[in-house]
Amino acid sequence: MLWRDAGGLVGDNEDAIENSYARGDASGFNANVGGLVGFNGTTGTIQSSYSTGYVSGDDIASHVGGFSGDNENSTLTDFVADYWDKTTSGTNTAIGYGTDSVPQVTGKK
């Protein structure tokens, strides 16, 4: 299975993202798709960032989130003051797969 990571700002995050935003749409097939990042890896941190673009996955194997498509083993403290727009993203889900409940990532309408 070939996975691709698509995000409004970055596809695969293994480092630090701070004070950033993404307004572009992100879509993928058999992919991790997120409004800000497609895949947030074990060393990825995101602070004071937001996304407003529309996100979509073209099949049931896709992981789609308004903020991150897949959050792989990053802890809740790796997210600080982040949000995504529930209306323009087309989803009420912050993280498509992995850590699915992240209080620090807020959905705004």
Protein backbone atom coordinates (compact mmCIF):
# COMPACT_ATOMS: atom_id res chain seq x y z
CA MET A 1 0.00 0.00 0.00
CA LEU A 2 1.41 3.35 -1.03
CA TRP A 3 0.59 6.26 1.28
CA ARG A 4 0.83 9.87 0.33
CA ASP A 5 0.55 12.80 2.72
CA ALA A 6 -1.24 15.97 1.63
CA GLY A 7 -1.65 19.10 3.74
CA GLY A 8 -2.55 22.71 3.15
CA LEU A 9 0.90 23.71 4.45
CA VAL A 10 3.02 20.55 4.51
CA GLY A 11 2.54 16.88 3.67
CA ASP A 12 4.80 15.22 6.27
CA ASN A 13 5.83 17.06 9.45
CA GLU A 14 8.67 15.58 11.50
CA ASP A 15 9.85 18.88 13.02
CA ALA A 16 8.33 22.09 14.43
CA ILE A 17 5.68 24.28 12.82
CA GLU A 18 5.01 27.60 14.55
CA ASN A 19 2.94 30.70 13.79
CA SER A 20 1.74 29.34 10.45
CA TYR A 21 -1.48 29.09 8.51
CA ALA A 22 -2.84 27.39 5.43
CA ARG A 23 -5.76 28.57 3.31
CA GLY A 24 -5.37 26.16 0.38
CA ASP A 25 -7.43 23.03 -0.19
CA ALA A 26 -5.92 19.55 0.23
CA SER A 27 -7.11 16.26 -1.23
CA GLY A 28 -5.73 12.81 -1.80
CA PHE A 29 -6.41 9.21 -2.74
CA ASN A 30 -5.38 6.54 -0.23
CA ALA A 31 -3.76 9.37 1.70
CA ASN A 32 -3.40 11.27 4.96
CA VAL A 33 -5.06 14.61 4.26
CA GLY A 34 -5.15 17.55 6.65
CA GLY A 35 -5.92 21.24 6.48
CA LEU A 36 -2.49 22.10 7.88
CA VAL A 37 -0.49 18.84 7.72
CA GLY A 38 -1.19 15.50 6.11
CA PHE A 39 0.97 13.54 8.55
CA ASN A 40 2.32 14.74 11.90
CA GLY A 41 5.10 12.32 12.90
CA THR A 42 6.46 11.24 16.25
CA THR A 43 8.74 14.29 16.49
CA GLY A 44 6.30 16.78 14.97
CA THR A 45 5.05 19.75 16.99
CA ILE A 46 2.58 22.42 15.93
CA GLN A 47 2.03 25.70 17.78
CA SER A 48 -0.09 28.78 17.12
CA SER A 49 -1.17 27.64 13.66
CA TYR A 50 -4.46 27.34 11.80
CA SER A 51 -6.03 26.11 8.59
CA THR A 52 -9.11 27.10 6.63
CA GLY A 53 -8.90 25.07 3.39
CA TYR A 54 -11.30 22.34 2.27
CA VAL A 55 -10.03 18.77 2.87
CA SER A 56 -11.11 15.56 1.17
CA GLY A 57 -10.05 11.97 0.68
CA ASP A 58 -11.16 9.99 -2.34
CA ASP A 59 -11.56 6.56 -0.75
CA ILE A 60 -12.23 4.74 2.50
CA ALA A 61 -8.49 4.23 3.15
CA SER A 62 -7.87 7.97 3.42
CA HIS A 63 -7.45 9.63 6.82
CA VAL A 64 -8.92 13.12 6.65
CA GLY A 65 -8.87 15.80 9.36
CA GLY A 66 -9.57 19.50 9.32
CA PHE A 67 -6.18 20.10 10.97
CA SER A 68 -4.12 16.90 10.51
CA GLY A 69 -4.82 13.75 8.52
CA ASP A 70 -2.76 11.48 10.78
CA ASN A 71 -1.16 12.25 14.12
CA GLU A 72 1.36 9.47 14.73
CA ASN A 73 2.38 9.16 18.37
CA SER A 74 2.73 12.91 18.99
CA THR A 75 1.47 13.79 22.45
CA LEU A 76 -1.24 16.28 23.27
CA THR A 77 1.38 18.73 24.53
CA ASP A 78 2.82 18.86 20.99
CA PHE A 79 -0.15 21.03 19.99
CA VAL A 80 -0.55 24.54 21.43
CA ALA A 81 -3.20 27.14 20.47
CA ASP A 82 -4.10 25.63 17.09
CA TYR A 83 -7.39 25.67 15.22
CA TRP A 84 -9.14 24.88 11.96
CA ASP A 85 -12.30 26.24 10.37
CA LYS A 86 -15.05 23.61 10.54
CA THR A 87 -17.18 25.29 7.90
CA THR A 88 -14.63 25.89 5.15
CA SER A 89 -12.77 22.60 5.76
CA GLY A 90 -15.93 20.55 5.34
CA THR A 91 -15.27 18.43 8.46
CA ASN A 92 -15.85 18.55 12.20
CA THR A 93 -12.93 16.17 12.81
CA ALA A 94 -9.61 17.71 13.91
CA ILE A 95 -7.40 14.64 13.43
CA GLY A 96 -8.33 11.96 10.88
CA TYR A 97 -6.35 9.11 12.45
CA GLY A 98 -4.22 8.60 15.54
CA THR A 99 -4.73 10.95 18.46
CA ASP A 100 -8.30 11.92 17.63
CA SER A 101 -9.14 14.04 20.66
CA VAL A 102 -6.83 17.02 20.91
CA PRO A 103 -8.28 19.77 23.13
CA GLN A 104 -5.54 22.15 22.04
CA VAL A 105 -6.81 21.99 18.42
CA THR A 106 -10.08 23.90 18.35
CA GLY A 107 -12.70 23.83 15.64
CA LYS A 108 -14.05 27.28 14.82
CA LYS A 109 -17.12 28.18 12.79
